[in-house]
PDB file of N, CA and C in Angstrom:
ATOM      1  N   MET A   1    -140.762 -46.866 -59.424  1.00  0.00           N
ATOM      2  CA  MET A   1    -140.528 -47.393 -57.786  1.00  0.00           C
ATOM      3  C   MET A   1    -141.833 -48.490 -57.550  1.00  0.00           C
ATOM      4  N   ASN A   2    -141.314 -49.443 -56.879  1.00  0.00           N
ATOM      5  CA  ASN A   2    -141.928 -50.876 -56.379  1.00  0.00           C
ATOM      6  C   ASN A   2    -142.773 -50.349 -55.530  1.00  0.00           C
ATOM      7  N   ALA A   3    -143.808 -51.516 -55.210  1.00  0.00           N
ATOM      8  CA  ALA A   3    -144.935 -51.373 -54.344  1.00  0.00           C
ATOM      9  C   ALA A   3    -144.159 -51.634 -53.417  1.00  0.00           C
ATOM     10  N   ILE A   4    -143.225 -51.797 -52.259  1.00  0.00           N
ATOM     11  CA  ILE A   4    -142.641 -52.019 -51.145  1.00  0.00           C
ATOM     12  C   ILE A   4    -141.219 -51.243 -50.734  1.00  0.00           C
ATOM     13  N   LYS A   5    -140.650 -50.499 -52.065  1.00  0.00           N
ATOM     14  CA  LYS A   5    -140.275 -49.151 -51.519  1.00  0.00           C
ATOM     15  C   LYS A   5    -140.888 -48.119 -51.307  1.00  0.00           C
ATOM     16  N   ILE A   6    -142.235 -48.039 -51.790  1.00  0.00           N
ATOM     17  CA  ILE A   6    -143.491 -47.147 -51.857  1.00  0.00           C
ATOM     18  C   ILE A   6    -143.821 -46.805 -50.074  1.00  0.00           C
ATOM     19  N   LEU A   7    -143.659 -48.618 -49.434  1.00  0.00           N
ATOM     20  CA  LEU A   7    -144.318 -48.654 -48.150  1.00  0.00           C
ATOM     21  C   LEU A   7    -143.542 -48.495 -47.358  1.00  0.00           C
ATOM     22  N   ILE A   8    -141.896 -48.553 -47.696  1.00  0.00           N
ATOM     23  CA  ILE A   8    -140.908 -48.118 -47.007  1.00  0.00           C
ATOM     24  C   ILE A   8    -141.300 -46.648 -46.753  1.00  0.00           C
ATOM     25  N   GLU A   9    -141.083 -46.014 -48.054  1.00  0.00           N
ATOM     26  CA  GLU A   9    -140.975 -44.166 -48.011  1.00  0.00           C
ATOM     27  C   GLU A   9    -142.213 -43.760 -47.094  1.00  0.00           C
ATOM     28  N   MET A  10    -143.554 -44.433 -47.275  1.00  0.00           N
ATOM     29  CA  MET A  10    -144.619 -44.540 -46.281  1.00  0.00           C
ATOM     30  C   MET A  10    -144.502 -44.600 -45.032  1.00  0.00           C
ATOM     31  N   ILE A  11    -143.790 -45.277 -44.730  1.00  0.00           N
ATOM     32  CA  ILE A  11    -143.576 -45.674 -43.036  1.00  0.00           C
ATOM     33  C   ILE A  11    -142.500 -44.695 -42.363  1.00  0.00           C
ATOM     34  N   ASP A  12    -141.429 -44.447 -43.310  1.00  0.00           N
ATOM     35  CA  ASP A  12    -140.039 -43.247 -42.917  1.00  0.00           C
ATOM     36  C   ASP A  12    -141.117 -42.126 -42.733  1.00  0.00           C
ATOM     37  N   THR A  13    -141.918 -41.686 -43.459  1.00  0.00           N
ATOM     38  CA  THR A  13    -142.590 -40.475 -43.724  1.00  0.00           C
ATOM     39  C   THR A  13    -143.739 -40.496 -41.942  1.00  0.00           C
ATOM     40  N   MET A  14    -143.904 -41.290 -42.212  1.00  0.00           N
ATOM     41  CA  MET A  14    -145.100 -41.252 -40.983  1.00  0.00           C
ATOM     42  C   MET A  14    -144.056 -41.323 -39.609  1.00  0.00           C
ATOM     43  N   HIS A  15    -142.892 -41.671 -39.709  1.00  0.00           N
ATOM     44  CA  HIS A  15    -142.319 -42.053 -38.410  1.00  0.00           C
ATOM     45  C   HIS A  15    -141.899 -40.320 -37.957  1.00  0.00           C
ATOM     46  N   VAL A  16    -140.910 -39.728 -39.155  1.00  0.00           N
ATOM     47  CA  VAL A  16    -140.673 -38.647 -39.029  1.00  0.00           C
ATOM     48  C   VAL A  16    -141.402 -37.221 -38.449  1.00  0.00           C
ATOM     49  N   ALA A  17    -142.735 -37.890 -39.479  1.00  0.00           N
ATOM     50  CA  ALA A  17    -144.243 -37.090 -38.738  1.00  0.00           C
ATOM     51  C   ALA A  17    -144.302 -37.058 -37.147  1.00  0.00           C
ATOM     52  N   SER A  18    -144.358 -38.299 -36.971  1.00  0.00           N
ATOM     53  CA  SER A  18    -144.691 -38.857 -35.395  1.00  0.00           C
ATOM     54  C   SER A  18    -143.155 -37.976 -34.631  1.00  0.00           C
ATOM     55  N   ASP A  19    -142.254 -38.284 -34.973  1.00  0.00           N
ATOM     56  CA  ASP A  19    -140.924 -37.528 -34.047  1.00  0.00           C
ATOM     57  C   ASP A  19    -141.526 -35.789 -34.204  1.00  0.00           C
ATOM     58  N   ALA A  20    -141.712 -35.458 -35.153  1.00  0.00           N
ATOM     59  CA  ALA A  20    -141.973 -34.065 -34.998  1.00  0.00           C
ATOM     60  C   ALA A  20    -142.998 -33.286 -34.405  1.00  0.00           C
ATOM     61  N   TYR A  21    -144.480 -34.032 -34.566  1.00  0.00           N
ATOM     62  CA  TYR A  21    -145.223 -33.884 -33.604  1.00  0.00           C
ATOM     63  C   TYR A  21    -144.888 -34.112 -32.219  1.00  0.00           C
ATOM     64  N   HIS A  22    -144.140 -34.750 -31.487  1.00  0.00           N
ATOM     65  CA  HIS A  22    -144.164 -35.256 -30.279  1.00  0.00           C
ATOM     66  C   HIS A  22    -143.070 -33.988 -29.829  1.00  0.00           C
ATOM     67  N   VAL A  23    -142.021 -33.463 -30.485  1.00  0.00           N
ATOM     68  CA  VAL A  23    -141.117 -32.687 -30.060  1.00  0.00           C
ATOM     69  C   VAL A  23    -141.870 -31.495 -30.161  1.00  0.00           C
ATOM     70  N   ARG A  24    -143.101 -31.056 -31.478  1.00  0.00           N
ATOM     71  CA  ARG A  24    -143.571 -29.816 -30.759  1.00  0.00           C
ATOM     72  C   ARG A  24    -144.637 -29.955 -29.539  1.00  0.00           C
ATOM     73  N   LYS A  25    -144.945 -30.965 -29.499  1.00  0.00           N
ATOM     74  CA  LYS A  25    -145.815 -31.274 -27.984  1.00  0.00           C
ATOM     75  C   LYS A  25    -144.889 -30.898 -26.771  1.00  0.00           C
ATOM     76  N   SER A  26    -143.730 -31.217 -26.808  1.00  0.00           N
ATOM     77  CA  SER A  26    -143.118 -30.793 -25.486  1.00  0.00           C
ATOM     78  C   SER A  26    -142.184 -29.544 -25.479  1.00  0.00           C
ATOM     79  N   GLU A  27    -142.543 -28.822 -26.709  1.00  0.00           N
ATOM     80  CA  GLU A  27    -142.351 -27.842 -26.723  1.00  0.00           C
ATOM     81  C   GLU A  27    -143.282 -26.237 -26.763  1.00  0.00           C
ATOM     82  N   ASP A  28    -144.481 -27.047 -26.427  1.00  0.00           N
ATOM     83  CA  ASP A  28    -145.438 -25.840 -25.999  1.00  0.00           C
ATOM     84  C   ASP A  28    -145.572 -25.190 -25.301  1.00  0.00           C
ATOM     85  N   ASP A  29    -144.647 -25.485 -23.936  1.00  0.00           N
ATOM     86  CA  ASP A  29    -144.941 -24.989 -22.312  1.00  0.00           C
ATOM     87  C   ASP A  29    -143.906 -23.428 -22.949  1.00  0.00           C
ATOM     88  N   ARG A  30    -143.291 -23.520 -24.087  1.00  0.00           N
ATOM     89  CA  ARG A  30    -142.178 -22.821 -23.563  1.00  0.00           C
ATOM     90  C   ARG A  30    -141.835 -22.163 -25.340  1.00  0.00           C
ATOM     91  N   VAL A  31    -143.398 -22.026 -26.256  1.00  0.00           N
ATOM     92  CA  VAL A  31    -143.535 -21.550 -27.386  1.00  0.00           C
ATOM     93  C   VAL A  31    -144.510 -20.357 -26.799  1.00  0.00           C
ATOM     94  N   ILE A  32    -143.793 -18.674 -27.666  1.00  0.00           N
ATOM     95  CA  ILE A  32    -144.727 -17.406 -27.152  1.00  0.00           C
ATOM     96  C   ILE A  32    -145.175 -17.222 -28.660  1.00  0.00           C
ATOM     97  N   GLU A  33    -146.284 -17.267 -28.824  1.00  0.00           N
ATOM     98  CA  GLU A  33    -147.480 -17.178 -29.979  1.00  0.00           C
ATOM     99  C   GLU A  33    -147.486 -15.465 -30.324  1.00  0.00           C
ATOM    100  N   LEU A  34    -147.046 -15.065 -31.372  1.00  0.00           N
ATOM    101  CA  LEU A  34    -147.178 -13.939 -32.033  1.00  0.00           C
ATOM    102  C   LEU A  34    -148.145 -13.673 -32.932  1.00  0.00           C
ATOM    103  N   ASN A  35    -148.476 -12.678 -33.450  1.00  0.00           N
ATOM    104  CA  ASN A  35    -149.124 -11.948 -34.298  1.00  0.00           C
ATOM    105  C   ASN A  35    -148.316 -11.723 -35.392  1.00  0.00           C
ATOM    106  N   ASP A  36    -148.680 -11.860 -36.123  1.00  0.00           N
ATOM    107  CA  ASP A  36    -147.695 -11.478 -37.521  1.00  0.00           C
ATOM    108  C   ASP A  36    -147.854  -9.999 -38.236  1.00  0.00           C
ATOM    109  N   ASN A  37    -149.483  -9.986 -37.651  1.00  0.00           N
ATOM    110  CA  ASN A  37    -149.872  -8.760 -38.268  1.00  0.00           C
ATOM    111  C   ASN A  37    -149.623  -8.455 -39.962  1.00  0.00           C
ATOM    112  N   GLY A  38    -149.908  -9.975 -40.670  1.00  0.00           N
ATOM    113  CA  GLY A  38    -150.174 -10.048 -42.120  1.00  0.00           C
ATOM    114  C   GLY A  38    -148.828 -10.070 -42.603  1.00  0.00           C
ATOM    115  N   ILE A  39    -147.858  -9.787 -42.099  1.00  0.00           N
ATOM    116  CA  ILE A  39    -146.280  -9.683 -42.540  1.00  0.00           C
ATOM    117  C   ILE A  39    -145.702 -10.866 -42.877  1.00  0.00           C
ATOM    118  N   GLN A  40    -145.084 -11.179 -44.017  1.00  0.00           N
ATOM    119  CA  GLN A  40    -144.781 -12.381 -44.151  1.00  0.00           C
ATOM    120  C   GLN A  40    -143.408 -12.562 -43.887  1.00  0.00           C
ATOM    121  N   ALA A  41    -142.766 -13.858 -43.636  1.00  0.00           N
ATOM    122  CA  ALA A  41    -141.560 -13.959 -43.001  1.00  0.00           C
ATOM    123  C   ALA A  41    -140.513 -13.426 -44.256  1.00  0.00           C
ATOM    124  N   THR A  42    -140.486 -13.386 -45.151  1.00  0.00           N
ATOM    125  CA  THR A  42    -139.323 -13.126 -46.384  1.00  0.00           C
ATOM    126  C   THR A  42    -139.942 -11.676 -46.598  1.00  0.00           C
ATOM    127  N   HIS A  43    -140.543 -10.723 -45.978  1.00  0.00           N
ATOM    128  CA  HIS A  43    -140.947  -9.386 -46.321  1.00  0.00           C
ATOM    129  C   HIS A  43    -139.714  -8.513 -45.365  1.00  0.00           C
ATOM    130  N   PHE A  44    -138.446  -8.316 -46.140  1.00  0.00           N
ATOM    131  CA  PHE A  44    -137.762  -7.845 -45.710  1.00  0.00           C
ATOM    132  C   PHE A  44    -137.340  -6.039 -46.157  1.00  0.00           C
ATOM    133  N   ASN A  45    -138.350  -5.434 -46.606  1.00  0.00           N
ATOM    134  CA  ASN A  45    -138.281  -3.947 -46.727  1.00  0.00           C
ATOM    135  C   ASN A  45    -139.513  -3.536 -45.816  1.00  0.00           C
ATOM    136  N   LEU A  46    -139.342  -3.258 -44.381  1.00  0.00           N
ATOM    137  CA  LEU A  46    -140.965  -3.321 -43.735  1.00  0.00           C
ATOM    138  C   LEU A  46    -140.668  -1.877 -43.304  1.00  0.00           C
ATOM    139  N   SER A  47    -141.803  -1.310 -43.654  1.00  0.00           N
ATOM    140  CA  SER A  47    -142.077   0.051 -42.875  1.00  0.00           C
ATOM    141  C   SER A  47    -141.615   0.211 -41.392  1.00  0.00           C
ATOM    142  N   ASP A  48    -141.395   1.609 -41.234  1.00  0.00           N
ATOM    143  CA  ASP A  48    -141.387   1.755 -39.907  1.00  0.00           C
ATOM    144  C   ASP A  48    -142.593   1.182 -38.581  1.00  0.00           C
ATOM    145  N   ASP A  49    -143.966   1.483 -39.471  1.00  0.00           N
ATOM    146  CA  ASP A  49    -145.021   1.172 -38.944  1.00  0.00           C
ATOM    147  C   ASP A  49    -145.373  -0.403 -38.724  1.00  0.00           C
ATOM    148  N   GLU A  50    -145.097  -1.117 -39.464  1.00  0.00           N
ATOM    149  CA  GLU A  50    -144.973  -2.680 -39.708  1.00  0.00           C
ATOM    150  C   GLU A  50    -143.562  -3.164 -38.501  1.00  0.00           C
ATOM    151  N   LYS A  51    -142.687  -2.526 -38.158  1.00  0.00           N
ATOM    152  CA  LYS A  51    -141.456  -3.021 -37.627  1.00  0.00           C
ATOM    153  C   LYS A  51    -141.964  -2.457 -36.025  1.00  0.00           C
ATOM    154  N   THR A  52    -142.719  -0.970 -35.916  1.00  0.00           N
ATOM    155  CA  THR A  52    -143.419  -0.951 -34.502  1.00  0.00           C
ATOM    156  C   THR A  52    -144.525  -2.423 -33.857  1.00  0.00           C
ATOM    157  N   LYS A  53    -145.046  -2.601 -34.949  1.00  0.00           N
ATOM    158  CA  LYS A  53    -146.442  -3.422 -34.768  1.00  0.00           C
ATOM    159  C   LYS A  53    -145.656  -4.574 -34.023  1.00  0.00           C
ATOM    160  N   LEU A  54    -144.962  -5.278 -34.695  1.00  0.00           N
ATOM    161  CA  LEU A  54    -143.856  -6.890 -34.516  1.00  0.00           C
ATOM    162  C   LEU A  54    -143.672  -6.457 -33.500  1.00  0.00           C
ATOM    163  N   TYR A  55    -142.741  -5.428 -33.189  1.00  0.00           N
ATOM    164  CA  TYR A  55    -142.101  -4.820 -31.897  1.00  0.00           C
ATOM    165  C   TYR A  55    -142.947  -5.350 -30.498  1.00  0.00           C
ATOM    166  N   VAL A  56    -143.906  -4.599 -31.101  1.00  0.00           N
ATOM    167  CA  VAL A  56    -145.321  -3.771 -29.765  1.00  0.00           C
ATOM    168  C   VAL A  56    -145.730  -5.476 -29.143  1.00  0.00           C
ATOM    169  N   ASP A  57    -145.611  -6.193 -30.253  1.00  0.00           N
ATOM    170  CA  ASP A  57    -146.901  -7.220 -30.403  1.00  0.00           C
ATOM    171  C   ASP A  57    -145.654  -8.622 -29.785  1.00  0.00           C
ATOM    172  N   GLY A  58    -144.497  -8.885 -29.889  1.00  0.00           N
ATOM    173  CA  GLY A  58    -143.805  -9.618 -29.557  1.00  0.00           C
ATOM    174  C   GLY A  58    -143.471  -9.212 -28.115  1.00  0.00           C
ATOM    175  N   TYR A  59    -142.910  -7.758 -27.768  1.00  0.00           N
ATOM    176  CA  TYR A  59    -142.855  -7.741 -26.062  1.00  0.00           C
ATOM    177  C   TYR A  59    -144.120  -7.802 -25.563  1.00  0.00           C
ATOM    178  N   ASN A  60    -145.394  -7.307 -25.675  1.00  0.00           N
ATOM    179  CA  ASN A  60    -146.203  -7.626 -25.163  1.00  0.00           C
ATOM    180  C   ASN A  60    -146.847  -9.396 -24.868  1.00  0.00           C
ATOM    181  N   ASN A  61    -146.960  -9.947 -26.182  1.00  0.00           N
ATOM    182  CA  ASN A  61    -146.733 -11.402 -25.810  1.00  0.00           C
ATOM    183  C   ASN A  61    -145.432 -11.998 -24.836  1.00  0.00           C
ATOM    184  N   THR A  62    -144.295 -11.903 -25.414  1.00  0.00           N
ATOM    185  CA  THR A  62    -143.247 -12.203 -24.033  1.00  0.00           C
ATOM    186  C   THR A  62    -143.601 -11.799 -22.756  1.00  0.00           C
ATOM    187  N   LYS A  63    -144.002 -10.726 -22.422  1.00  0.00           N
ATOM    188  CA  LYS A  63    -144.095  -9.884 -20.891  1.00  0.00           C
ATOM    189  C   LYS A  63    -145.651 -10.883 -20.707  1.00  0.00           C
ATOM    190  N   LYS A  64    -146.629 -11.224 -21.090  1.00  0.00           N
ATOM    191  CA  LYS A  64    -147.677 -12.302 -21.134  1.00  0.00           C
ATOM    192  C   LYS A  64    -147.064 -13.613 -20.830  1.00  0.00           C
ATOM    193  N   PHE A  65    -145.981 -14.160 -21.798  1.00  0.00           N
ATOM    194  CA  PHE A  65    -145.691 -15.550 -21.353  1.00  0.00           C
ATOM    195  C   PHE A  65    -145.387 -15.767 -19.896  1.00  0.00           C
ATOM    196  N   PHE A  66    -144.074 -14.801 -19.782  1.00  0.00           N
ATOM    197  CA  PHE A  66    -143.267 -14.817 -18.514  1.00  0.00           C
ATOM    198  C   PHE A  66    -144.144 -14.600 -17.261  1.00  0.00           C
ATOM    199  N   LEU A  67    -145.077 -13.530 -17.249  1.00  0.00           N
ATOM    200  CA  LEU A  67    -145.986 -13.843 -16.441  1.00  0.00           C
ATOM    201  C   LEU A  67    -147.248 -14.246 -15.921  1.00  0.00           C
ATOM    202  N   GLU A  68    -147.590 -15.439 -17.357  1.00  0.00           N
ATOM    203  CA  GLU A  68    -148.461 -15.732 -17.079  1.00  0.00           C
ATOM    204  C   GLU A  68    -148.788 -17.567 -16.893  1.00  0.00           C
ATOM    205  N   LYS A  69    -147.800 -17.760 -18.153  1.00  0.00           N
ATOM    206  CA  LYS A  69    -147.503 -19.192 -18.731  1.00  0.00           C
ATOM    207  C   LYS A  69    -146.396 -19.788 -17.875  1.00  0.00           C
ATOM    208  N   TRP A  70    -145.171 -19.372 -18.349  1.00  0.00           N
ATOM    209  CA  TRP A  70    -143.602 -19.859 -17.834  1.00  0.00           C
ATOM    210  C   TRP A  70    -143.426 -20.153 -16.265  1.00  0.00           C
ATOM    211  N   ASP A  71    -143.153 -21.375 -15.970  1.00  0.00           N
ATOM    212  CA  ASP A  71    -143.152 -21.556 -14.487  1.00  0.00           C
ATOM    213  C   ASP A  71    -141.411 -21.816 -14.517  1.00  0.00           C
ATOM    214  N   TRP A  72    -140.783 -21.363 -13.413  1.00  0.00           N
ATOM    215  CA  TRP A  72    -139.353 -21.586 -13.437  1.00  0.00           C
ATOM    216  C   TRP A  72    -139.350 -22.927 -12.832  1.00  0.00           C
ATOM    217  N   ASN A  73    -139.874 -23.465 -11.530  1.00  0.00           N
ATOM    218  CA  ASN A  73    -139.757 -24.874 -11.279  1.00  0.00           C
ATOM    219  C   ASN A  73    -139.757 -25.637 -12.273  1.00  0.00           C
ATOM    220  N   LYS A  74    -141.025 -25.862 -13.442  1.00  0.00           N
ATOM    221  CA  LYS A  74    -141.024 -26.838 -14.252  1.00  0.00           C
ATOM    222  C   LYS A  74    -139.909 -26.593 -15.425  1.00  0.00           C
ATOM    223  N   HIS A  75    -139.172 -25.300 -15.263  1.00  0.00           N
ATOM    224  CA  HIS A  75    -138.535 -25.448 -15.631  1.00  0.00           C
ATOM    225  C   HIS A  75    -137.015 -26.510 -15.820  1.00  0.00           C
ATOM    226  N   LEU A  76    -136.919 -25.811 -14.175  1.00  0.00           N
ATOM    227  CA  LEU A  76    -135.986 -26.518 -14.091  1.00  0.00           C
ATOM    228  C   LEU A  76    -135.846 -28.388 -13.953  1.00  0.00           C
ATOM    229  N   ALA A  77    -137.362 -28.392 -13.647  1.00  0.00           N
ATOM    230  CA  ALA A  77    -137.218 -29.818 -13.632  1.00  0.00           C
ATOM    231  C   ALA A  77    -137.186 -30.394 -14.675  1.00  0.00           C
ATOM    232  N   MET A  78    -137.909 -29.888 -15.932  1.00  0.00           N
ATOM    233  CA  MET A  78    -137.572 -30.442 -17.416  1.00  0.00           C
ATOM    234  C   MET A  78    -135.831 -30.761 -17.658  1.00  0.00           C
ATOM    235  N   ARG A  79    -135.213 -29.855 -16.881  1.00  0.00           N
ATOM    236  CA  ARG A  79    -133.597 -30.031 -16.874  1.00  0.00           C
ATOM    237  C   ARG A  79    -132.893 -30.714 -16.622  1.00  0.00           C
ATOM    238  N   GLY A  80    -133.526 -31.386 -15.361  1.00  0.00           N
ATOM    239  CA  GLY A  80    -132.804 -32.131 -14.415  1.00  0.00           C
ATOM    240  C   GLY A  80    -132.547 -31.638 -13.233  1.00  0.00           C
ATOM    241  N   TYR A  81    -132.584 -30.684 -12.967  1.00  0.00           N
ATOM    242  CA  TYR A  81    -132.483 -30.058 -11.362  1.00  0.00           C
ATOM    243  C   TYR A  81    -133.249 -30.390 -10.197  1.00  0.00           C
ATOM    244  N   PRO A  82    -133.004 -30.230  -9.472  1.00  0.00           N
ATOM    245  CA  PRO A  82    -133.413 -30.540  -8.412  1.00  0.00           C
ATOM    246  C   PRO A  82    -134.886 -29.317  -8.063  1.00  0.00           C
ATOM    247  N   VAL A  83    -136.089 -29.555  -8.108  1.00  0.00           N
ATOM    248  CA  VAL A  83    -137.115 -28.293  -7.790  1.00  0.00           C
ATOM    249  C   VAL A  83    -137.848 -28.410  -6.207  1.00  0.00           C
ATOM    250  N   GLU A  84    -137.568 -26.900  -5.639  1.00  0.00           N
ATOM    251  CA  GLU A  84    -137.729 -26.817  -4.239  1.00  0.00           C
ATOM    252  C   GLU A  84    -139.357 -27.299  -4.225  1.00  0.00           C
TER     253      GLU A  84
END
């Protein structure tokens, strides 16, 4: 691999990372944070206790998101609908 090809690959990588960053920032208002309780995404044989912890945490954080963070008018405005 020559220096020019490496430079082109580096610029492409920075471009992709920059795009991903801006997409993430635009999604911040629509992200519900969850505590994984130390459970890996690839852990498929969950105990009933682990399932309950994930469910309760998901429920509580979703409720908090909709009651404290989410804004209907902002949601409509982001999609181009007229806001009252």
